[in-house]
PDB file of N, CA and C in Angstrom:
ATOM      1  N   MET A   1     115.686 112.114 103.048  1.00  0.00           N
ATOM      2  CA  MET A   1     116.146 113.102 102.756  1.00  0.00           C
ATOM      3  C   MET A   1     117.986 113.000 102.378  1.00  0.00           C
ATOM      4  N   SER A   2     118.639 112.797 103.568  1.00  0.00           N
ATOM      5  CA  SER A   2     120.129 112.690 103.115  1.00  0.00           C
ATOM      6  C   SER A   2     120.809 111.349 103.361  1.00  0.00           C
ATOM      7  N   GLU A   3     119.670 110.109 103.173  1.00  0.00           N
ATOM      8  CA  GLU A   3     120.268 108.773 102.725  1.00  0.00           C
ATOM      9  C   GLU A   3     121.419 108.871 101.540  1.00  0.00           C
ATOM     10  N   GLU A   4     121.302 109.501 100.782  1.00  0.00           N
ATOM     11  CA  GLU A   4     122.186 109.157  99.582  1.00  0.00           C
ATOM     12  C   GLU A   4     123.186 110.950  99.456  1.00  0.00           C
ATOM     13  N   LEU A   5     123.653 111.407 100.642  1.00  0.00           N
ATOM     14  CA  LEU A   5     123.427 112.728 100.140  1.00  0.00           C
ATOM     15  C   LEU A   5     124.916 112.954 100.944  1.00  0.00           C
ATOM     16  N   LEU A   6     126.548 113.101 100.861  1.00  0.00           N
ATOM     17  CA  LEU A   6     127.778 112.861 101.790  1.00  0.00           C
ATOM     18  C   LEU A   6     127.175 114.260 102.208  1.00  0.00           C
ATOM     19  N   GLN A   7     127.639 114.120 103.684  1.00  0.00           N
ATOM     20  CA  GLN A   7     127.646 115.057 104.770  1.00  0.00           C
ATOM     21  C   GLN A   7     128.775 116.150 104.573  1.00  0.00           C
ATOM     22  N   PHE A   8     128.255 117.567 104.845  1.00  0.00           N
ATOM     23  CA  PHE A   8     128.950 119.087 104.606  1.00  0.00           C
ATOM     24  C   PHE A   8     129.925 119.235 106.016  1.00  0.00           C
ATOM     25  N   ARG A   9     130.859 118.569 106.367  1.00  0.00           N
ATOM     26  CA  ARG A   9     132.233 118.562 107.546  1.00  0.00           C
ATOM     27  C   ARG A   9     132.675 120.384 107.605  1.00  0.00           C
ATOM     28  N   VAL A  10     132.333 121.027 108.625  1.00  0.00           N
ATOM     29  CA  VAL A  10     132.578 122.509 108.236  1.00  0.00           C
ATOM     30  C   VAL A  10     134.331 122.470 108.938  1.00  0.00           C
ATOM     31  N   ASN A  11     135.465 123.180 108.759  1.00  0.00           N
ATOM     32  CA  ASN A  11     136.389 123.352 108.704  1.00  0.00           C
ATOM     33  C   ASN A  11     137.064 124.478 108.810  1.00  0.00           C
ATOM     34  N   PRO A  12     137.882 125.032 109.411  1.00  0.00           N
ATOM     35  CA  PRO A  12     138.933 125.950 109.951  1.00  0.00           C
ATOM     36  C   PRO A  12     138.881 127.173 108.528  1.00  0.00           C
ATOM     37  N   SER A  13     138.445 126.514 107.459  1.00  0.00           N
ATOM     38  CA  SER A  13     138.387 127.034 106.813  1.00  0.00           C
ATOM     39  C   SER A  13     136.820 127.637 106.048  1.00  0.00           C
ATOM     40  N   TRP A  14     137.045 129.009 105.319  1.00  0.00           N
ATOM     41  CA  TRP A  14     136.449 129.852 104.955  1.00  0.00           C
ATOM     42  C   TRP A  14     135.705 129.051 103.867  1.00  0.00           C
ATOM     43  N   ARG A  15     134.445 128.723 103.735  1.00  0.00           N
ATOM     44  CA  ARG A  15     133.808 127.792 102.569  1.00  0.00           C
ATOM     45  C   ARG A  15     132.490 128.634 102.389  1.00  0.00           C
ATOM     46  N   GLU A  16     132.350 128.769 101.303  1.00  0.00           N
ATOM     47  CA  GLU A  16     130.887 129.124 100.915  1.00  0.00           C
ATOM     48  C   GLU A  16     129.950 128.270 100.437  1.00  0.00           C
ATOM     49  N   ILE A  17     128.644 128.412 101.433  1.00  0.00           N
ATOM     50  CA  ILE A  17     127.275 127.658 100.834  1.00  0.00           C
ATOM     51  C   ILE A  17     126.065 128.008 100.551  1.00  0.00           C
ATOM     52  N   GLU A  18     124.802 127.215  99.763  1.00  0.00           N
ATOM     53  CA  GLU A  18     123.944 128.145  99.635  1.00  0.00           C
ATOM     54  C   GLU A  18     122.943 126.590 100.318  1.00  0.00           C
ATOM     55  N   ILE A  19     121.923 127.317 101.275  1.00  0.00           N
ATOM     56  CA  ILE A  19     121.147 126.379 101.754  1.00  0.00           C
ATOM     57  C   ILE A  19     119.846 126.128 100.953  1.00  0.00           C
ATOM     58  N   ILE A  20     119.943 124.568 100.637  1.00  0.00           N
ATOM     59  CA  ILE A  20     119.269 124.492  99.319  1.00  0.00           C
ATOM     60  C   ILE A  20     117.522 123.956 100.174  1.00  0.00           C
ATOM     61  N   SER A  21     117.452 123.866 101.200  1.00  0.00           N
ATOM     62  CA  SER A  21     116.339 122.968 101.323  1.00  0.00           C
ATOM     63  C   SER A  21     115.878 124.103 103.046  1.00  0.00           C
ATOM     64  N   GLU A  22     113.974 123.150 103.178  1.00  0.00           N
ATOM     65  CA  GLU A  22     114.416 123.775 104.442  1.00  0.00           C
ATOM     66  C   GLU A  22     114.802 122.233 106.253  1.00  0.00           C
ATOM     67  N   PRO A  23     114.847 122.824 106.461  1.00  0.00           N
ATOM     68  CA  PRO A  23     114.982 122.184 107.644  1.00  0.00           C
ATOM     69  C   PRO A  23     114.209 120.800 107.662  1.00  0.00           C
ATOM     70  N   TYR A  24     114.917 119.410 108.421  1.00  0.00           N
ATOM     71  CA  TYR A  24     114.391 118.266 108.613  1.00  0.00           C
ATOM     72  C   TYR A  24     115.270 117.236 109.668  1.00  0.00           C
ATOM     73  N   VAL A  25     115.089 116.359 109.994  1.00  0.00           N
ATOM     74  CA  VAL A  25     115.298 115.982 111.137  1.00  0.00           C
ATOM     75  C   VAL A  25     115.749 114.711 110.221  1.00  0.00           C
ATOM     76  N   ILE A  26     117.410 113.827 111.086  1.00  0.00           N
ATOM     77  CA  ILE A  26     118.228 112.480 110.734  1.00  0.00           C
ATOM     78  C   ILE A  26     118.303 111.839 112.149  1.00  0.00           C
ATOM     79  N   LEU A  27     117.650 110.877 111.937  1.00  0.00           N
ATOM     80  CA  LEU A  27     118.070 109.862 113.223  1.00  0.00           C
ATOM     81  C   LEU A  27     119.450 109.280 113.343  1.00  0.00           C
ATOM     82  N   ASN A  28     120.320 109.875 114.540  1.00  0.00           N
ATOM     83  CA  ASN A  28     121.410 108.424 114.531  1.00  0.00           C
ATOM     84  C   ASN A  28     121.505 108.486 115.599  1.00  0.00           C
ATOM     85  N   SER A  29     122.567 107.366 116.340  1.00  0.00           N
ATOM     86  CA  SER A  29     122.533 107.159 117.671  1.00  0.00           C
ATOM     87  C   SER A  29     122.225 108.128 118.875  1.00  0.00           C
ATOM     88  N   PHE A  30     122.313 109.535 118.421  1.00  0.00           N
ATOM     89  CA  PHE A  30     121.770 110.410 119.883  1.00  0.00           C
ATOM     90  C   PHE A  30     120.247 110.906 119.705  1.00  0.00           C
ATOM     91  N   GLY A  31     119.429 110.247 118.751  1.00  0.00           N
ATOM     92  CA  GLY A  31     118.321 110.413 118.646  1.00  0.00           C
ATOM     93  C   GLY A  31     118.184 111.971 116.884  1.00  0.00           C
ATOM     94  N   TYR A  32     117.010 112.316 117.308  1.00  0.00           N
ATOM     95  CA  TYR A  32     116.959 113.142 116.116  1.00  0.00           C
ATOM     96  C   TYR A  32     117.682 114.706 116.038  1.00  0.00           C
ATOM     97  N   ILE A  33     118.131 114.915 114.894  1.00  0.00           N
ATOM     98  CA  ILE A  33     119.134 116.278 114.990  1.00  0.00           C
ATOM     99  C   ILE A  33     118.846 116.495 113.499  1.00  0.00           C
ATOM    100  N   PRO A  34     118.407 117.914 113.768  1.00  0.00           N
ATOM    101  CA  PRO A  34     118.147 118.820 112.515  1.00  0.00           C
ATOM    102  C   PRO A  34     118.822 119.044 111.453  1.00  0.00           C
ATOM    103  N   ALA A  35     118.599 119.641 110.299  1.00  0.00           N
ATOM    104  CA  ALA A  35     119.368 119.063 109.173  1.00  0.00           C
ATOM    105  C   ALA A  35     118.974 120.050 107.622  1.00  0.00           C
ATOM    106  N   VAL A  36     120.402 120.888 107.194  1.00  0.00           N
ATOM    107  CA  VAL A  36     119.510 121.480 105.424  1.00  0.00           C
ATOM    108  C   VAL A  36     120.287 120.539 104.814  1.00  0.00           C
ATOM    109  N   ASN A  37     120.018 120.580 103.267  1.00  0.00           N
ATOM    110  CA  ASN A  37     121.340 120.797 102.490  1.00  0.00           C
ATOM    111  C   ASN A  37     121.312 121.816 102.011  1.00  0.00           C
ATOM    112  N   VAL A  38     122.607 121.883 101.625  1.00  0.00           N
ATOM    113  CA  VAL A  38     123.201 122.697 100.852  1.00  0.00           C
ATOM    114  C   VAL A  38     124.415 122.553  99.742  1.00  0.00           C
ATOM    115  N   MET A  39     124.285 123.065  98.859  1.00  0.00           N
ATOM    116  CA  MET A  39     125.297 123.237  98.136  1.00  0.00           C
ATOM    117  C   MET A  39     126.556 123.931  98.450  1.00  0.00           C
ATOM    118  N   VAL A  40     127.821 123.429  98.193  1.00  0.00           N
ATOM    119  CA  VAL A  40     128.746 124.416  98.622  1.00  0.00           C
ATOM    120  C   VAL A  40     129.741 124.265  97.496  1.00  0.00           C
ATOM    121  N   GLU A  41     130.520 125.526  97.391  1.00  0.00           N
ATOM    122  CA  GLU A  41     130.825 126.420  96.300  1.00  0.00           C
ATOM    123  C   GLU A  41     131.987 125.316  95.337  1.00  0.00           C
ATOM    124  N   ASN A  42     132.385 125.607  93.771  1.00  0.00           N
ATOM    125  CA  ASN A  42     133.282 124.501  93.452  1.00  0.00           C
ATOM    126  C   ASN A  42     132.813 122.977  93.311  1.00  0.00           C
ATOM    127  N   LYS A  43     131.727 122.775  94.064  1.00  0.00           N
ATOM    128  CA  LYS A  43     131.032 121.148  94.029  1.00  0.00           C
ATOM    129  C   LYS A  43     129.473 121.401  93.313  1.00  0.00           C
ATOM    130  N   LYS A  44     129.388 120.015  92.391  1.00  0.00           N
ATOM    131  CA  LYS A  44     128.284 120.295  91.617  1.00  0.00           C
ATOM    132  C   LYS A  44     127.411 119.419  92.177  1.00  0.00           C
ATOM    133  N   ILE A  45     127.829 118.795  92.874  1.00  0.00           N
ATOM    134  CA  ILE A  45     126.378 117.800  94.299  1.00  0.00           C
ATOM    135  C   ILE A  45     125.611 118.621  95.302  1.00  0.00           C
ATOM    136  N   PRO A  46     124.725 118.253  95.663  1.00  0.00           N
ATOM    137  CA  PRO A  46     124.317 118.458  97.185  1.00  0.00           C
ATOM    138  C   PRO A  46     125.031 117.861  98.579  1.00  0.00           C
ATOM    139  N   GLN A  47     125.080 118.156  99.613  1.00  0.00           N
ATOM    140  CA  GLN A  47     125.180 117.722 100.918  1.00  0.00           C
ATOM    141  C   GLN A  47     124.463 117.686 101.594  1.00  0.00           C
ATOM    142  N   PHE A  48     124.202 117.478 102.821  1.00  0.00           N
ATOM    143  CA  PHE A  48     123.738 118.103 103.613  1.00  0.00           C
ATOM    144  C   PHE A  48     124.489 117.905 104.953  1.00  0.00           C
ATOM    145  N   MET A  49     124.038 119.570 105.925  1.00  0.00           N
ATOM    146  CA  MET A  49     124.936 119.813 107.344  1.00  0.00           C
ATOM    147  C   MET A  49     124.159 119.792 108.443  1.00  0.00           C
ATOM    148  N   TYR A  50     124.376 118.577 109.624  1.00  0.00           N
ATOM    149  CA  TYR A  50     123.708 119.685 110.711  1.00  0.00           C
ATOM    150  C   TYR A  50     123.536 120.863 110.863  1.00  0.00           C
ATOM    151  N   ILE A  51     122.648 121.148 111.757  1.00  0.00           N
ATOM    152  CA  ILE A  51     122.363 122.253 111.676  1.00  0.00           C
ATOM    153  C   ILE A  51     122.127 122.402 113.714  1.00  0.00           C
ATOM    154  N   ASN A  52     122.054 121.854 114.189  1.00  0.00           N
ATOM    155  CA  ASN A  52     121.904 121.906 116.186  1.00  0.00           C
ATOM    156  C   ASN A  52     122.803 122.386 116.977  1.00  0.00           C
ATOM    157  N   PRO A  53     124.309 122.544 116.736  1.00  0.00           N
ATOM    158  CA  PRO A  53     125.127 123.664 117.259  1.00  0.00           C
ATOM    159  C   PRO A  53     124.449 124.618 117.631  1.00  0.00           C
ATOM    160  N   LYS A  54     124.883 124.981 118.923  1.00  0.00           N
ATOM    161  CA  LYS A  54     123.625 126.636 119.052  1.00  0.00           C
ATOM    162  C   LYS A  54     124.851 127.584 118.727  1.00  0.00           C
ATOM    163  N   SER A  55     126.102 127.321 118.556  1.00  0.00           N
ATOM    164  CA  SER A  55     126.926 128.715 117.209  1.00  0.00           C
ATOM    165  C   SER A  55     126.577 128.529 115.812  1.00  0.00           C
ATOM    166  N   LEU A  56     125.985 127.430 115.703  1.00  0.00           N
ATOM    167  CA  LEU A  56     125.557 127.558 113.957  1.00  0.00           C
ATOM    168  C   LEU A  56     123.984 127.194 114.147  1.00  0.00           C
ATOM    169  N   ALA A  57     123.204 127.310 114.998  1.00  0.00           N
ATOM    170  CA  ALA A  57     121.657 127.351 114.691  1.00  0.00           C
ATOM    171  C   ALA A  57     121.459 129.141 115.326  1.00  0.00           C
ATOM    172  N   ALA A  58     121.909 129.521 116.168  1.00  0.00           N
ATOM    173  CA  ALA A  58     121.379 131.305 116.664  1.00  0.00           C
ATOM    174  C   ALA A  58     121.444 131.703 115.366  1.00  0.00           C
ATOM    175  N   PRO A  59     123.346 132.575 114.830  1.00  0.00           N
ATOM    176  CA  PRO A  59     123.148 133.255 113.806  1.00  0.00           C
ATOM    177  C   PRO A  59     122.207 132.325 111.663  1.00  0.00           C
ATOM    178  N   LEU A  60     122.133 130.906 112.145  1.00  0.00           N
ATOM    179  CA  LEU A  60     120.979 131.121 110.841  1.00  0.00           C
ATOM    180  C   LEU A  60     120.012 131.365 111.343  1.00  0.00           C
ATOM    181  N   ASP A  61     119.594 131.853 111.900  1.00  0.00           N
ATOM    182  CA  ASP A  61     118.029 131.687 112.504  1.00  0.00           C
ATOM    183  C   ASP A  61     118.218 133.435 112.084  1.00  0.00           C
ATOM    184  N   GLN A  62     119.054 133.966 112.657  1.00  0.00           N
ATOM    185  CA  GLN A  62     119.036 135.608 112.243  1.00  0.00           C
ATOM    186  C   GLN A  62     118.887 135.740 110.247  1.00  0.00           C
ATOM    187  N   PHE A  63     119.727 135.020 109.955  1.00  0.00           N
ATOM    188  CA  PHE A  63     119.809 135.123 108.298  1.00  0.00           C
ATOM    189  C   PHE A  63     118.342 134.568 108.479  1.00  0.00           C
ATOM    190  N   LYS A  64     118.025 133.489 108.465  1.00  0.00           N
ATOM    191  CA  LYS A  64     116.127 132.649 107.929  1.00  0.00           C
ATOM    192  C   LYS A  64     115.478 134.288 107.875  1.00  0.00           C
ATOM    193  N   ILE A  65     115.314 134.792 109.290  1.00  0.00           N
ATOM    194  CA  ILE A  65     114.410 135.622 109.534  1.00  0.00           C
ATOM    195  C   ILE A  65     114.393 136.953 108.056  1.00  0.00           C
ATOM    196  N   LEU A  66     115.484 137.327 107.938  1.00  0.00           N
ATOM    197  CA  LEU A  66     115.912 137.675 107.177  1.00  0.00           C
ATOM    198  C   LEU A  66     115.580 137.560 105.779  1.00  0.00           C
ATOM    199  N   ASN A  67     115.354 135.659 105.445  1.00  0.00           N
ATOM    200  CA  ASN A  67     114.877 135.746 104.258  1.00  0.00           C
ATOM    201  C   ASN A  67     113.769 135.486 104.342  1.00  0.00           C
ATOM    202  N   LYS A  68     112.970 135.860 104.778  1.00  0.00           N
ATOM    203  CA  LYS A  68     111.352 135.874 104.802  1.00  0.00           C
ATOM    204  C   LYS A  68     110.734 134.328 105.608  1.00  0.00           C
ATOM    205  N   ASN A  69     111.820 134.412 106.498  1.00  0.00           N
ATOM    206  CA  ASN A  69     111.496 133.117 107.580  1.00  0.00           C
ATOM    207  C   ASN A  69     111.598 131.631 106.406  1.00  0.00           C
ATOM    208  N   LEU A  70     112.455 131.871 105.863  1.00  0.00           N
ATOM    209  CA  LEU A  70     112.977 131.091 104.892  1.00  0.00           C
ATOM    210  C   LEU A  70     114.600 130.247 105.089  1.00  0.00           C
ATOM    211  N   PHE A  71     114.911 128.928 104.963  1.00  0.00           N
ATOM    212  CA  PHE A  71     116.468 129.148 105.181  1.00  0.00           C
ATOM    213  C   PHE A  71     116.630 128.789 103.069  1.00  0.00           C
ATOM    214  N   THR A  72     115.749 127.998 102.205  1.00  0.00           N
ATOM    215  CA  THR A  72     115.960 128.085 101.426  1.00  0.00           C
ATOM    216  C   THR A  72     116.418 129.450 100.738  1.00  0.00           C
ATOM    217  N   GLY A  73     117.395 129.054  99.673  1.00  0.00           N
ATOM    218  CA  GLY A  73     118.211 130.544  99.243  1.00  0.00           C
ATOM    219  C   GLY A  73     119.367 131.125 100.745  1.00  0.00           C
ATOM    220  N   ILE A  74     119.205 130.715 101.581  1.00  0.00           N
ATOM    221  CA  ILE A  74     120.372 132.137 102.351  1.00  0.00           C
ATOM    222  C   ILE A  74     121.747 131.027 101.770  1.00  0.00           C
ATOM    223  N   LYS A  75     123.057 132.233 101.634  1.00  0.00           N
ATOM    224  CA  LYS A  75     123.742 131.968 100.993  1.00  0.00           C
ATOM    225  C   LYS A  75     124.743 132.368 102.355  1.00  0.00           C
ATOM    226  N   LEU A  76     126.352 131.832 102.481  1.00  0.00           N
ATOM    227  CA  LEU A  76     126.685 132.144 103.397  1.00  0.00           C
ATOM    228  C   LEU A  76     127.982 131.806 103.387  1.00  0.00           C
ATOM    229  N   LYS A  77     129.050 132.396 104.369  1.00  0.00           N
ATOM    230  CA  LYS A  77     130.734 131.609 104.266  1.00  0.00           C
ATOM    231  C   LYS A  77     130.479 130.969 105.602  1.00  0.00           C
ATOM    232  N   ILE A  78     131.095 130.616 106.040  1.00  0.00           N
ATOM    233  CA  ILE A  78     131.184 129.878 107.089  1.00  0.00           C
ATOM    234  C   ILE A  78     132.237 128.622 107.686  1.00  0.00           C
ATOM    235  N   ARG A  79     132.672 128.685 108.636  1.00  0.00           N
ATOM    236  CA  ARG A  79     134.152 127.783 109.329  1.00  0.00           C
ATOM    237  C   ARG A  79     133.679 127.498 110.444  1.00  0.00           C
ATOM    238  N   LYS A  80     134.678 126.951 111.036  1.00  0.00           N
ATOM    239  CA  LYS A  80     134.780 126.498 112.619  1.00  0.00           C
ATOM    240  C   LYS A  80     136.212 127.646 113.505  1.00  0.00           C
ATOM    241  N   GLU A  81     135.886 127.694 113.720  1.00  0.00           N
ATOM    242  CA  GLU A  81     137.347 128.851 114.753  1.00  0.00           C
ATOM    243  C   GLU A  81     138.355 127.971 114.630  1.00  0.00           C
ATOM    244  N   SER A  82     138.511 126.930 115.289  1.00  0.00           N
ATOM    245  CA  SER A  82     139.613 125.541 115.320  1.00  0.00           C
ATOM    246  C   SER A  82     138.958 124.611 114.463  1.00  0.00           C
ATOM    247  N   GLU A  83     140.481 123.769 114.936  1.00  0.00           N
ATOM    248  CA  GLU A  83     140.323 121.493 114.190  1.00  0.00           C
ATOM    249  C   GLU A  83     139.450 121.299 115.414  1.00  0.00           C
ATOM    250  N   GLU A  84     139.566 121.760 116.589  1.00  0.00           N
ATOM    251  CA  GLU A  84     138.583 121.139 117.750  1.00  0.00           C
ATOM    252  C   GLU A  84     136.882 120.414 117.442  1.00  0.00           C
ATOM    253  N   LYS A  85     137.115 119.780 117.844  1.00  0.00           N
ATOM    254  CA  LYS A  85     135.033 119.116 117.626  1.00  0.00           C
ATOM    255  C   LYS A  85     134.658 119.791 118.319  1.00  0.00           C
ATOM    256  N   THR A  86     135.051 120.900 119.141  1.00  0.00           N
ATOM    257  CA  THR A  86     133.561 121.642 120.295  1.00  0.00           C
ATOM    258  C   THR A  86     133.708 122.833 120.043  1.00  0.00           C
ATOM    259  N   ALA A  87     134.736 123.336 118.221  1.00  0.00           N
ATOM    260  CA  ALA A  87     135.059 124.597 118.308  1.00  0.00           C
ATOM    261  C   ALA A  87     133.567 125.300 117.875  1.00  0.00           C
ATOM    262  N   LYS A  88     133.492 126.601 118.121  1.00  0.00           N
ATOM    263  CA  LYS A  88     132.252 127.207 117.057  1.00  0.00           C
ATOM    264  C   LYS A  88     132.486 127.903 116.264  1.00  0.00           C
ATOM    265  N   TYR A  89     130.923 127.960 115.329  1.00  0.00           N
ATOM    266  CA  TYR A  89     131.209 127.730 114.189  1.00  0.00           C
ATOM    267  C   TYR A  89     131.115 129.413 114.008  1.00  0.00           C
ATOM    268  N   GLU A  90     131.719 129.981 112.767  1.00  0.00           N
ATOM    269  CA  GLU A  90     131.346 131.494 112.381  1.00  0.00           C
ATOM    270  C   GLU A  90     130.721 131.945 110.912  1.00  0.00           C
ATOM    271  N   LEU A  91     130.011 132.406 111.072  1.00  0.00           N
ATOM    272  CA  LEU A  91     128.827 132.397 109.598  1.00  0.00           C
ATOM    273  C   LEU A  91     129.614 133.659 109.577  1.00  0.00           C
ATOM    274  N   LYS A  92     129.080 134.254 108.323  1.00  0.00           N
ATOM    275  CA  LYS A  92     129.326 135.538 107.193  1.00  0.00           C
ATOM    276  C   LYS A  92     128.214 135.629 106.216  1.00  0.00           C
ATOM    277  N   GLU A  93     127.398 135.779 106.350  1.00  0.00           N
ATOM    278  CA  GLU A  93     125.882 136.313 105.035  1.00  0.00           C
ATOM    279  C   GLU A  93     126.479 136.940 103.641  1.00  0.00           C
ATOM    280  N   LEU A  94     126.179 136.189 102.761  1.00  0.00           N
ATOM    281  CA  LEU A  94     126.880 137.156 101.573  1.00  0.00           C
ATOM    282  C   LEU A  94     125.622 137.474 100.834  1.00  0.00           C
TER     283      LEU A  94
END
């Protein structure tokens, strides 16, 4: 699913995104990693985003429960706490 999509990389700036797919897996050098397709504010093309970090997966699961157990259609603001690779994610539902 993501072969032709660019990866959305989260950084410390708040960005608004909408999830436009249900999770699927991508095979990379670490094995299979879950991902979803997203539309990022002010961009006209879909991108994919990995959803495996715990600080991202746990709040996303709560948003999914509130969205009739679907990822598709979730709208949120997202950023990382810092530029560090291990920085935690911060999410706010829109």
